[in-house]
Amino acid sequence: MAKRQFTIDTGKEQIPVEGQVHRNVAVKYLMKRRRSLLMTKNPEKVEKLWTELPKKIKIIGKQLTREYKVNWERVGTQDYEGSRFVFTLDDLGEKTTKK
């Protein structure tokens, strides 16, 4: 499957990216945000980054726009217990992109 152009809309910024499917693009972006939290050693900066994590995210393709609600947890209670900053995605549906 070829890579396609998408735009990630977090409400604060729009980021052009390439990917294959809407959900995978969202997961890849959120994993980068999570990684920046895990690698930061300064507790004040971690708190600032934590409060700025997106709660809703839109992945805009050429024909469809999918919206996801992101549920962040500080300490994992699902799959990998003990993992810090885990998230789950709830699909809020799709809309047809109009030109």
PDB file of N, CA and C in Angstrom:
ATOM      1  N   MET A   1       0.848  -1.177   0.000  1.00  0.00           N
ATOM      2  CA  MET A   1       0.000   0.000   0.000  1.00  0.00           C
ATOM      3  C   MET A   1       0.897   1.245   0.000  1.00  0.00           C
ATOM      4  N   ALA A   2       0.616   2.158  -0.885  1.00  0.00           N
ATOM      5  CA  ALA A   2       1.431   3.365  -1.016  1.00  0.00           C
ATOM      6  C   ALA A   2       1.113   4.360   0.099  1.00  0.00           C
ATOM      7  N   LYS A   3       2.107   5.174   0.422  1.00  0.00           N
ATOM      8  CA  LYS A   3       1.889   6.217   1.428  1.00  0.00           C
ATOM      9  C   LYS A   3       1.095   7.356   0.823  1.00  0.00           C
ATOM     10  N   ARG A   4       0.231   7.943   1.649  1.00  0.00           N
ATOM     11  CA  ARG A   4      -0.607   9.051   1.207  1.00  0.00           C
ATOM     12  C   ARG A   4      -0.348  10.259   2.083  1.00  0.00           C
ATOM     13  N   GLN A   5      -0.807  11.405   1.619  1.00  0.00           N
ATOM     14  CA  GLN A   5      -0.647  12.655   2.357  1.00  0.00           C
ATOM     15  C   GLN A   5      -1.788  12.830   3.347  1.00  0.00           C
ATOM     16  N   PHE A   6      -1.468  13.176   4.582  1.00  0.00           N
ATOM     17  CA  PHE A   6      -2.447  13.464   5.625  1.00  0.00           C
ATOM     18  C   PHE A   6      -2.043  14.764   6.324  1.00  0.00           C
ATOM     19  N   THR A   7      -3.005  15.360   7.014  1.00  0.00           N
ATOM     20  CA  THR A   7      -2.730  16.500   7.874  1.00  0.00           C
ATOM     21  C   THR A   7      -3.257  16.157   9.257  1.00  0.00           C
ATOM     22  N   ILE A   8      -2.411  16.316  10.265  1.00  0.00           N
ATOM     23  CA  ILE A   8      -2.817  16.078  11.656  1.00  0.00           C
ATOM     24  C   ILE A   8      -3.245  17.412  12.233  1.00  0.00           C
ATOM     25  N   ASP A   9      -4.474  17.466  12.744  1.00  0.00           N
ATOM     26  CA  ASP A   9      -5.001  18.688  13.361  1.00  0.00           C
ATOM     27  C   ASP A   9      -5.211  18.415  14.845  1.00  0.00           C
ATOM     28  N   THR A  10      -4.413  19.082  15.692  1.00  0.00           N
ATOM     29  CA  THR A  10      -4.514  18.882  17.140  1.00  0.00           C
ATOM     30  C   THR A  10      -5.337  19.972  17.809  1.00  0.00           C
ATOM     31  N   GLY A  11      -5.822  20.917  17.033  1.00  0.00           N
ATOM     32  CA  GLY A  11      -6.545  22.047  17.599  1.00  0.00           C
ATOM     33  C   GLY A  11      -5.636  23.253  17.764  1.00  0.00           C
ATOM     34  N   LYS A  12      -4.364  23.016  18.042  1.00  0.00           N
ATOM     35  CA  LYS A  12      -3.390  24.096  18.197  1.00  0.00           C
ATOM     36  C   LYS A  12      -2.512  24.245  16.964  1.00  0.00           C
ATOM     37  N   GLU A  13      -2.272  23.131  16.265  1.00  0.00           N
ATOM     38  CA  GLU A  13      -1.399  23.162  15.109  1.00  0.00           C
ATOM     39  C   GLU A  13      -1.838  22.134  14.077  1.00  0.00           C
ATOM     40  N   GLN A  14      -1.416  22.340  12.851  1.00  0.00           N
ATOM     41  CA  GLN A  14      -1.662  21.393  11.768  1.00  0.00           C
ATOM     42  C   GLN A  14      -0.326  20.931  11.221  1.00  0.00           C
ATOM     43  N   ILE A  15      -0.154  19.603  11.139  1.00  0.00           N
ATOM     44  CA  ILE A  15       1.122  19.030  10.757  1.00  0.00           C
ATOM     45  C   ILE A  15       0.923  18.138   9.528  1.00  0.00           C
ATOM     46  N   PRO A  16       1.588  18.440   8.401  1.00  0.00           N
ATOM     47  CA  PRO A  16       1.496  17.559   7.230  1.00  0.00           C
ATOM     48  C   PRO A  16       2.395  16.331   7.416  1.00  0.00           C
ATOM     49  N   VAL A  17       1.846  15.138   7.144  1.00  0.00           N
ATOM     50  CA  VAL A  17       2.595  13.896   7.298  1.00  0.00           C
ATOM     51  C   VAL A  17       2.235  12.937   6.167  1.00  0.00           C
ATOM     52  N   GLU A  18       2.981  11.841   6.073  1.00  0.00           N
ATOM     53  CA  GLU A  18       2.679  10.769   5.136  1.00  0.00           C
ATOM     54  C   GLU A  18       2.346   9.525   5.929  1.00  0.00           C
ATOM     55  N   GLY A  19       1.461   8.692   5.398  1.00  0.00           N
ATOM     56  CA  GLY A  19       1.104   7.459   6.059  1.00  0.00           C
ATOM     57  C   GLY A  19       0.212   6.625   5.175  1.00  0.00           C
ATOM     58  N   GLN A  20      -0.273   5.512   5.729  1.00  0.00           N
ATOM     59  CA  GLN A  20      -1.110   4.618   4.944  1.00  0.00           C
ATOM     60  C   GLN A  20      -2.570   4.694   5.352  1.00  0.00           C
ATOM     61  N   VAL A  21      -2.839   4.642   6.644  1.00  0.00           N
ATOM     62  CA  VAL A  21      -4.214   4.708   7.131  1.00  0.00           C
ATOM     63  C   VAL A  21      -4.330   5.742   8.235  1.00  0.00           C
ATOM     64  N   HIS A  22      -5.519   6.300   8.394  1.00  0.00           N
ATOM     65  CA  HIS A  22      -5.755   7.370   9.364  1.00  0.00           C
ATOM     66  C   HIS A  22      -5.307   6.970  10.770  1.00  0.00           C
ATOM     67  N   ARG A  23      -5.734   5.807  11.238  1.00  0.00           N
ATOM     68  CA  ARG A  23      -5.436   5.385  12.609  1.00  0.00           C
ATOM     69  C   ARG A  23      -3.934   5.232  12.841  1.00  0.00           C
ATOM     70  N   ASN A  24      -3.224   4.657  11.883  1.00  0.00           N
ATOM     71  CA  ASN A  24      -1.782   4.471  12.043  1.00  0.00           C
ATOM     72  C   ASN A  24      -1.041   5.808  12.098  1.00  0.00           C
ATOM     73  N   VAL A  25      -1.509   6.775  11.321  1.00  0.00           N
ATOM     74  CA  VAL A  25      -0.915   8.114  11.353  1.00  0.00           C
ATOM     75  C   VAL A  25      -1.097   8.727  12.746  1.00  0.00           C
ATOM     76  N   ALA A  26      -2.302   8.567  13.309  1.00  0.00           N
ATOM     77  CA  ALA A  26      -2.584   9.095  14.647  1.00  0.00           C
ATOM     78  C   ALA A  26      -1.703   8.421  15.701  1.00  0.00           C
ATOM     79  N   VAL A  27      -1.591   7.102  15.637  1.00  0.00           N
ATOM     80  CA  VAL A  27      -0.787   6.366  16.626  1.00  0.00           C
ATOM     81  C   VAL A  27       0.680   6.772  16.541  1.00  0.00           C
ATOM     82  N   LYS A  28       1.200   6.909  15.325  1.00  0.00           N
ATOM     83  CA  LYS A  28       2.602   7.291  15.163  1.00  0.00           C
ATOM     84  C   LYS A  28       2.873   8.668  15.772  1.00  0.00           C
ATOM     85  N   TYR A  29       1.981   9.632  15.519  1.00  0.00           N
ATOM     86  CA  TYR A  29       2.143  10.977  16.071  1.00  0.00           C
ATOM     87  C   TYR A  29       2.080  10.944  17.603  1.00  0.00           C
ATOM     88  N   LEU A  30       1.099  10.219  18.148  1.00  0.00           N
ATOM     89  CA  LEU A  30       0.940  10.170  19.607  1.00  0.00           C
ATOM     90  C   LEU A  30       2.106   9.448  20.275  1.00  0.00           C
ATOM     91  N   MET A  31       2.674   8.457  19.610  1.00  0.00           N
ATOM     92  CA  MET A  31       3.841   7.764  20.174  1.00  0.00           C
ATOM     93  C   MET A  31       5.043   8.711  20.250  1.00  0.00           C
ATOM     94  N   LYS A  32       5.180   9.602  19.261  1.00  0.00           N
ATOM     95  CA  LYS A  32       6.270  10.590  19.317  1.00  0.00           C
ATOM     96  C   LYS A  32       6.070  11.536  20.494  1.00  0.00           C
ATOM     97  N   ARG A  33       4.829  11.968  20.708  1.00  0.00           N
ATOM     98  CA  ARG A  33       4.541  12.850  21.845  1.00  0.00           C
ATOM     99  C   ARG A  33       4.826  12.124  23.160  1.00  0.00           C
ATOM    100  N   ARG A  34       4.438  10.865  23.242  1.00  0.00           N
ATOM    101  CA  ARG A  34       4.663  10.057  24.446  1.00  0.00           C
ATOM    102  C   ARG A  34       6.157   9.893  24.694  1.00  0.00           C
ATOM    103  N   ARG A  35       6.914   9.631  23.631  1.00  0.00           N
ATOM    104  CA  ARG A  35       8.362   9.441  23.750  1.00  0.00           C
ATOM    105  C   ARG A  35       9.038  10.692  24.274  1.00  0.00           C
ATOM    106  N   SER A  36       8.576  11.864  23.835  1.00  0.00           N
ATOM    107  CA  SER A  36       9.185  13.099  24.330  1.00  0.00           C
ATOM    108  C   SER A  36       8.921  13.268  25.820  1.00  0.00           C
ATOM    109  N   LEU A  37       7.763  12.805  26.294  1.00  0.00           N
ATOM    110  CA  LEU A  37       7.481  12.842  27.736  1.00  0.00           C
ATOM    111  C   LEU A  37       8.399  11.901  28.501  1.00  0.00           C
ATOM    112  N   LEU A  38       8.580  10.690  27.972  1.00  0.00           N
ATOM    113  CA  LEU A  38       9.394   9.693  28.667  1.00  0.00           C
ATOM    114  C   LEU A  38      10.865  10.076  28.723  1.00  0.00           C
ATOM    115  N   MET A  39      11.358  10.773  27.708  1.00  0.00           N
ATOM    116  CA  MET A  39      12.777  11.116  27.639  1.00  0.00           C
ATOM    117  C   MET A  39      13.124  12.390  28.403  1.00  0.00           C
ATOM    118  N   THR A  40      12.131  13.160  28.802  1.00  0.00           N
ATOM    119  CA  THR A  40      12.383  14.410  29.516  1.00  0.00           C
ATOM    120  C   THR A  40      12.654  14.119  30.990  1.00  0.00           C
ATOM    121  N   LYS A  41      13.736  14.644  31.490  1.00  0.00           N
ATOM    122  CA  LYS A  41      14.126  14.402  32.886  1.00  0.00           C
ATOM    123  C   LYS A  41      13.627  15.476  33.846  1.00  0.00           C
ATOM    124  N   ASN A  42      13.425  16.681  33.352  1.00  0.00           N
ATOM    125  CA  ASN A  42      13.008  17.806  34.184  1.00  0.00           C
ATOM    126  C   ASN A  42      11.527  17.654  34.564  1.00  0.00           C
ATOM    127  N   PRO A  43      11.193  17.505  35.866  1.00  0.00           N
ATOM    128  CA  PRO A  43       9.796  17.294  36.284  1.00  0.00           C
ATOM    129  C   PRO A  43       8.853  18.432  35.897  1.00  0.00           C
ATOM    130  N   GLU A  44       9.341  19.683  35.915  1.00  0.00           N
ATOM    131  CA  GLU A  44       8.485  20.810  35.531  1.00  0.00           C
ATOM    132  C   GLU A  44       8.140  20.736  34.047  1.00  0.00           C
ATOM    133  N   LYS A  45       9.127  20.383  33.248  1.00  0.00           N
ATOM    134  CA  LYS A  45       8.885  20.278  31.801  1.00  0.00           C
ATOM    135  C   LYS A  45       7.949  19.107  31.500  1.00  0.00           C
ATOM    136  N   VAL A  46       8.065  18.017  32.243  1.00  0.00           N
ATOM    137  CA  VAL A  46       7.164  16.870  32.077  1.00  0.00           C
ATOM    138  C   VAL A  46       5.727  17.296  32.367  1.00  0.00           C
ATOM    139  N   GLU A  47       5.524  18.058  33.446  1.00  0.00           N
ATOM    140  CA  GLU A  47       4.172  18.537  33.787  1.00  0.00           C
ATOM    141  C   GLU A  47       3.619  19.441  32.692  1.00  0.00           C
ATOM    142  N   LYS A  48       4.470  20.311  32.142  1.00  0.00           N
ATOM    143  CA  LYS A  48       4.036  21.207  31.073  1.00  0.00           C
ATOM    144  C   LYS A  48       3.645  20.402  29.835  1.00  0.00           C
ATOM    145  N   LEU A  49       4.487  19.433  29.456  1.00  0.00           N
ATOM    146  CA  LEU A  49       4.186  18.593  28.297  1.00  0.00           C
ATOM    147  C   LEU A  49       2.915  17.769  28.524  1.00  0.00           C
ATOM    148  N   TRP A  50       2.726  17.285  29.765  1.00  0.00           N
ATOM    149  CA  TRP A  50       1.549  16.474  30.104  1.00  0.00           C
ATOM    150  C   TRP A  50       0.262  17.274  29.910  1.00  0.00           C
ATOM    151  N   THR A  51       0.271  18.533  30.340  1.00  0.00           N
ATOM    152  CA  THR A  51      -0.939  19.346  30.216  1.00  0.00           C
ATOM    153  C   THR A  51      -1.216  19.736  28.768  1.00  0.00           C
ATOM    154  N   GLU A  52      -0.180  19.719  27.912  1.00  0.00           N
ATOM    155  CA  GLU A  52      -0.345  20.101  26.513  1.00  0.00           C
ATOM    156  C   GLU A  52      -0.662  18.931  25.583  1.00  0.00           C
ATOM    157  N   LEU A  53      -0.762  17.714  26.128  1.00  0.00           N
ATOM    158  CA  LEU A  53      -1.078  16.567  25.272  1.00  0.00           C
ATOM    159  C   LEU A  53      -2.468  16.721  24.667  1.00  0.00           C
ATOM    160  N   PRO A  54      -2.636  16.375  23.383  1.00  0.00           N
ATOM    161  CA  PRO A  54      -3.949  16.542  22.741  1.00  0.00           C
ATOM    162  C   PRO A  54      -4.978  15.550  23.283  1.00  0.00           C
ATOM    163  N   LYS A  55      -6.196  16.033  23.497  1.00  0.00           N
ATOM    164  CA  LYS A  55      -7.294  15.178  23.961  1.00  0.00           C
ATOM    165  C   LYS A  55      -8.154  14.718  22.787  1.00  0.00           C
ATOM    166  N   LYS A  56      -8.145  15.494  21.701  1.00  0.00           N
ATOM    167  CA  LYS A  56      -8.830  15.124  20.466  1.00  0.00           C
ATOM    168  C   LYS A  56      -7.868  15.385  19.318  1.00  0.00           C
ATOM    169  N   ILE A  57      -7.939  14.540  18.313  1.00  0.00           N
ATOM    170  CA  ILE A  57      -7.039  14.679  17.180  1.00  0.00           C
ATOM    171  C   ILE A  57      -7.819  14.351  15.908  1.00  0.00           C
ATOM    172  N   LYS A  58      -7.588  15.136  14.861  1.00  0.00           N
ATOM    173  CA  LYS A  58      -8.217  14.892  13.560  1.00  0.00           C
ATOM    174  C   LYS A  58      -7.130  14.534  12.568  1.00  0.00           C
ATOM    175  N   ILE A  59      -7.390  13.491  11.793  1.00  0.00           N
ATOM    176  CA  ILE A  59      -6.486  13.104  10.718  1.00  0.00           C
ATOM    177  C   ILE A  59      -7.230  13.404   9.417  1.00  0.00           C
ATOM    178  N   ILE A  60      -6.728  14.371   8.683  1.00  0.00           N
ATOM    179  CA  ILE A  60      -7.402  14.853   7.483  1.00  0.00           C
ATOM    180  C   ILE A  60      -6.708  14.274   6.253  1.00  0.00           C
ATOM    181  N   GLY A  61      -7.456  13.483   5.491  1.00  0.00           N
ATOM    182  CA  GLY A  61      -6.955  12.931   4.234  1.00  0.00           C
ATOM    183  C   GLY A  61      -7.552  13.695   3.073  1.00  0.00           C
ATOM    184  N   LYS A  62      -7.305  13.221   1.848  1.00  0.00           N
ATOM    185  CA  LYS A  62      -7.856  13.910   0.683  1.00  0.00           C
ATOM    186  C   LYS A  62      -9.366  13.729   0.593  1.00  0.00           C
ATOM    187  N   GLN A  63      -9.883  12.563   0.997  1.00  0.00           N
ATOM    188  CA  GLN A  63     -11.310  12.299   0.861  1.00  0.00           C
ATOM    189  C   GLN A  63     -12.035  12.172   2.194  1.00  0.00           C
ATOM    190  N   LEU A  64     -11.361  11.659   3.218  1.00  0.00           N
ATOM    191  CA  LEU A  64     -11.994  11.446   4.520  1.00  0.00           C
ATOM    192  C   LEU A  64     -11.224  12.137   5.635  1.00  0.00           C
ATOM    193  N   THR A  65     -11.969  12.544   6.650  1.00  0.00           N
ATOM    194  CA  THR A  65     -11.381  13.078   7.873  1.00  0.00           C
ATOM    195  C   THR A  65     -11.871  12.207   9.015  1.00  0.00           C
ATOM    196  N   ARG A  66     -10.948  11.653   9.786  1.00  0.00           N
ATOM    197  CA  ARG A  66     -11.322  10.847  10.941  1.00  0.00           C
ATOM    198  C   ARG A  66     -10.935  11.603  12.198  1.00  0.00           C
ATOM    199  N   GLU A  67     -11.813  11.543  13.197  1.00  0.00           N
ATOM    200  CA  GLU A  67     -11.561  12.229  14.461  1.00  0.00           C
ATOM    201  C   GLU A  67     -11.462  11.182  15.562  1.00  0.00           C
ATOM    202  N   TYR A  68     -10.498  11.367  16.448  1.00  0.00           N
ATOM    203  CA  TYR A  68     -10.260  10.429  17.547  1.00  0.00           C
ATOM    204  C   TYR A  68     -10.223  11.186  18.862  1.00  0.00           C
ATOM    205  N   LYS A  69     -10.760  10.556  19.895  1.00  0.00           N
ATOM    206  CA  LYS A  69     -10.630  11.061  21.260  1.00  0.00           C
ATOM    207  C   LYS A  69      -9.483  10.280  21.888  1.00  0.00           C
ATOM    208  N   VAL A  70      -8.545  10.993  22.483  1.00  0.00           N
ATOM    209  CA  VAL A  70      -7.363  10.356  23.071  1.00  0.00           C
ATOM    210  C   VAL A  70      -7.510  10.345  24.589  1.00  0.00           C
ATOM    211  N   ASN A  71      -7.458   9.158  25.171  1.00  0.00           N
ATOM    212  CA  ASN A  71      -7.531   9.009  26.629  1.00  0.00           C
ATOM    213  C   ASN A  71      -6.131   8.710  27.150  1.00  0.00           C
ATOM    214  N   TRP A  72      -5.523   9.690  27.791  1.00  0.00           N
ATOM    215  CA  TRP A  72      -4.178   9.534  28.346  1.00  0.00           C
ATOM    216  C   TRP A  72      -4.269   9.070  29.788  1.00  0.00           C
ATOM    217  N   GLU A  73      -3.375   8.167  30.180  1.00  0.00           N
ATOM    218  CA  GLU A  73      -3.262   7.726  31.570  1.00  0.00           C
ATOM    219  C   GLU A  73      -1.821   7.903  31.996  1.00  0.00           C
ATOM    220  N   ARG A  74      -1.669   8.312  33.229  1.00  0.00           N
ATOM    221  CA  ARG A  74      -0.301   8.512  33.728  1.00  0.00           C
ATOM    222  C   ARG A  74       0.376   7.209  34.084  1.00  0.00           C
ATOM    223  N   VAL A  75      -0.343   6.303  34.687  1.00  0.00           N
ATOM    224  CA  VAL A  75       0.202   4.993  35.026  1.00  0.00           C
ATOM    225  C   VAL A  75      -0.678   3.965  34.346  1.00  0.00           C
ATOM    226  N   GLY A  76      -0.071   3.044  33.616  1.00  0.00           N
ATOM    227  CA  GLY A  76      -0.841   2.074  32.841  1.00  0.00           C
ATOM    228  C   GLY A  76      -1.635   1.119  33.709  1.00  0.00           C
ATOM    229  N   THR A  77      -2.890   0.929  33.333  1.00  0.00           N
ATOM    230  CA  THR A  77      -3.735  -0.056  34.013  1.00  0.00           C
ATOM    231  C   THR A  77      -4.198  -1.088  33.008  1.00  0.00           C
ATOM    232  N   GLN A  78      -3.819  -0.915  31.749  1.00  0.00           N
ATOM    233  CA  GLN A  78      -4.204  -1.863  30.712  1.00  0.00           C
ATOM    234  C   GLN A  78      -2.969  -2.598  30.240  1.00  0.00           C
ATOM    235  N   ASP A  79      -3.019  -3.196  29.074  1.00  0.00           N
ATOM    236  CA  ASP A  79      -2.003  -4.071  28.486  1.00  0.00           C
ATOM    237  C   ASP A  79      -0.676  -4.186  29.236  1.00  0.00           C
ATOM    238  N   TYR A  80       0.082  -3.107  29.338  1.00  0.00           N
ATOM    239  CA  TYR A  80       1.406  -3.163  29.968  1.00  0.00           C
ATOM    240  C   TYR A  80       1.360  -2.408  31.285  1.00  0.00           C
ATOM    241  N   GLU A  81       1.039  -3.098  32.332  1.00  0.00           N
ATOM    242  CA  GLU A  81       0.931  -2.446  33.619  1.00  0.00           C
ATOM    243  C   GLU A  81       2.296  -1.892  34.022  1.00  0.00           C
ATOM    244  N   GLY A  82       2.310  -0.688  34.518  1.00  0.00           N
ATOM    245  CA  GLY A  82       3.550  -0.050  34.914  1.00  0.00           C
ATOM    246  C   GLY A  82       4.091   0.881  33.845  1.00  0.00           C
ATOM    247  N   SER A  83       3.565   0.775  32.629  1.00  0.00           N
ATOM    248  CA  SER A  83       3.994   1.711  31.583  1.00  0.00           C
ATOM    249  C   SER A  83       3.506   3.099  31.953  1.00  0.00           C
ATOM    250  N   ARG A  84       4.317   4.099  31.716  1.00  0.00           N
ATOM    251  CA  ARG A  84       3.895   5.461  31.998  1.00  0.00           C
ATOM    252  C   ARG A  84       3.378   6.100  30.726  1.00  0.00           C
ATOM    253  N   PHE A  85       2.393   6.958  30.883  1.00  0.00           N
ATOM    254  CA  PHE A  85       1.844   7.743  29.785  1.00  0.00           C
ATOM    255  C   PHE A  85       1.303   6.871  28.644  1.00  0.00           C
ATOM    256  N   VAL A  86       0.403   5.974  28.986  1.00  0.00           N
ATOM    257  CA  VAL A  86      -0.246   5.168  27.954  1.00  0.00           C
ATOM    258  C   VAL A  86      -1.478   5.911  27.443  1.00  0.00           C
ATOM    259  N   PHE A  87      -1.934   5.555  26.253  1.00  0.00           N
ATOM    260  CA  PHE A  87      -3.119   6.194  25.690  1.00  0.00           C
ATOM    261  C   PHE A  87      -3.962   5.174  24.946  1.00  0.00           C
ATOM    262  N   THR A  88      -5.241   5.478  24.838  1.00  0.00           N
ATOM    263  CA  THR A  88      -6.152   4.701  24.012  1.00  0.00           C
ATOM    264  C   THR A  88      -6.864   5.658  23.071  1.00  0.00           C
ATOM    265  N   LEU A  89      -7.246   5.151  21.921  1.00  0.00           N
ATOM    266  CA  LEU A  89      -7.936   5.967  20.916  1.00  0.00           C
ATOM    267  C   LEU A  89      -9.373   5.510  20.791  1.00  0.00           C
ATOM    268  N   ASP A  90     -10.317   6.436  20.868  1.00  0.00           N
ATOM    269  CA  ASP A  90     -11.722   6.162  20.600  1.00  0.00           C
ATOM    270  C   ASP A  90     -12.075   6.849  19.296  1.00  0.00           C
ATOM    271  N   ASP A  91     -12.540   6.068  18.328  1.00  0.00           N
ATOM    272  CA  ASP A  91     -12.905   6.621  17.019  1.00  0.00           C
ATOM    273  C   ASP A  91     -14.226   7.365  17.138  1.00  0.00           C
ATOM    274  N   LEU A  92     -14.228   8.655  16.801  1.00  0.00           N
ATOM    275  CA  LEU A  92     -15.444   9.465  16.856  1.00  0.00           C
ATOM    276  C   LEU A  92     -16.155   9.528  15.511  1.00  0.00           C
ATOM    277  N   GLY A  93     -15.654   8.800  14.540  1.00  0.00           N
ATOM    278  CA  GLY A  93     -16.318   8.745  13.242  1.00  0.00           C
ATOM    279  C   GLY A  93     -15.523   9.412  12.153  1.00  0.00           C
ATOM    280  N   GLU A  94     -16.121   9.356  10.960  1.00  0.00           N
ATOM    281  CA  GLU A  94     -15.456   9.935   9.788  1.00  0.00           C
ATOM    282  C   GLU A  94     -16.397  10.911   9.092  1.00  0.00           C
ATOM    283  N   LYS A  95     -15.783  11.836   8.420  1.00  0.00           N
ATOM    284  CA  LYS A  95     -16.513  12.836   7.650  1.00  0.00           C
ATOM    285  C   LYS A  95     -15.877  12.897   6.273  1.00  0.00           C
ATOM    286  N   THR A  96     -16.685  13.210   5.283  1.00  0.00           N
ATOM    287  CA  THR A  96     -16.151  13.377   3.941  1.00  0.00           C
ATOM    288  C   THR A  96     -15.532  14.760   3.825  1.00  0.00           C
ATOM    289  N   THR A  97     -14.315  14.783   3.317  1.00  0.00           N
ATOM    290  CA  THR A  97     -13.620  16.049   3.134  1.00  0.00           C
ATOM    291  C   THR A  97     -14.149  16.714   1.873  1.00  0.00           C
ATOM    292  N   LYS A  98     -14.593  17.952   2.002  1.00  0.00           N
ATOM    293  CA  LYS A  98     -15.111  18.687   0.856  1.00  0.00           C
ATOM    294  C   LYS A  98     -14.063  19.625   0.326  1.00  0.00           C
ATOM    295  N   LYS A  99     -14.002  19.757  -0.978  1.00  0.00           N
ATOM    296  CA  LYS A  99     -13.026  20.655  -1.609  1.00  0.00           C
ATOM    297  C   LYS A  99     -13.681  21.920  -2.048  1.00  0.00           C
TER     298      LYS A  99
END
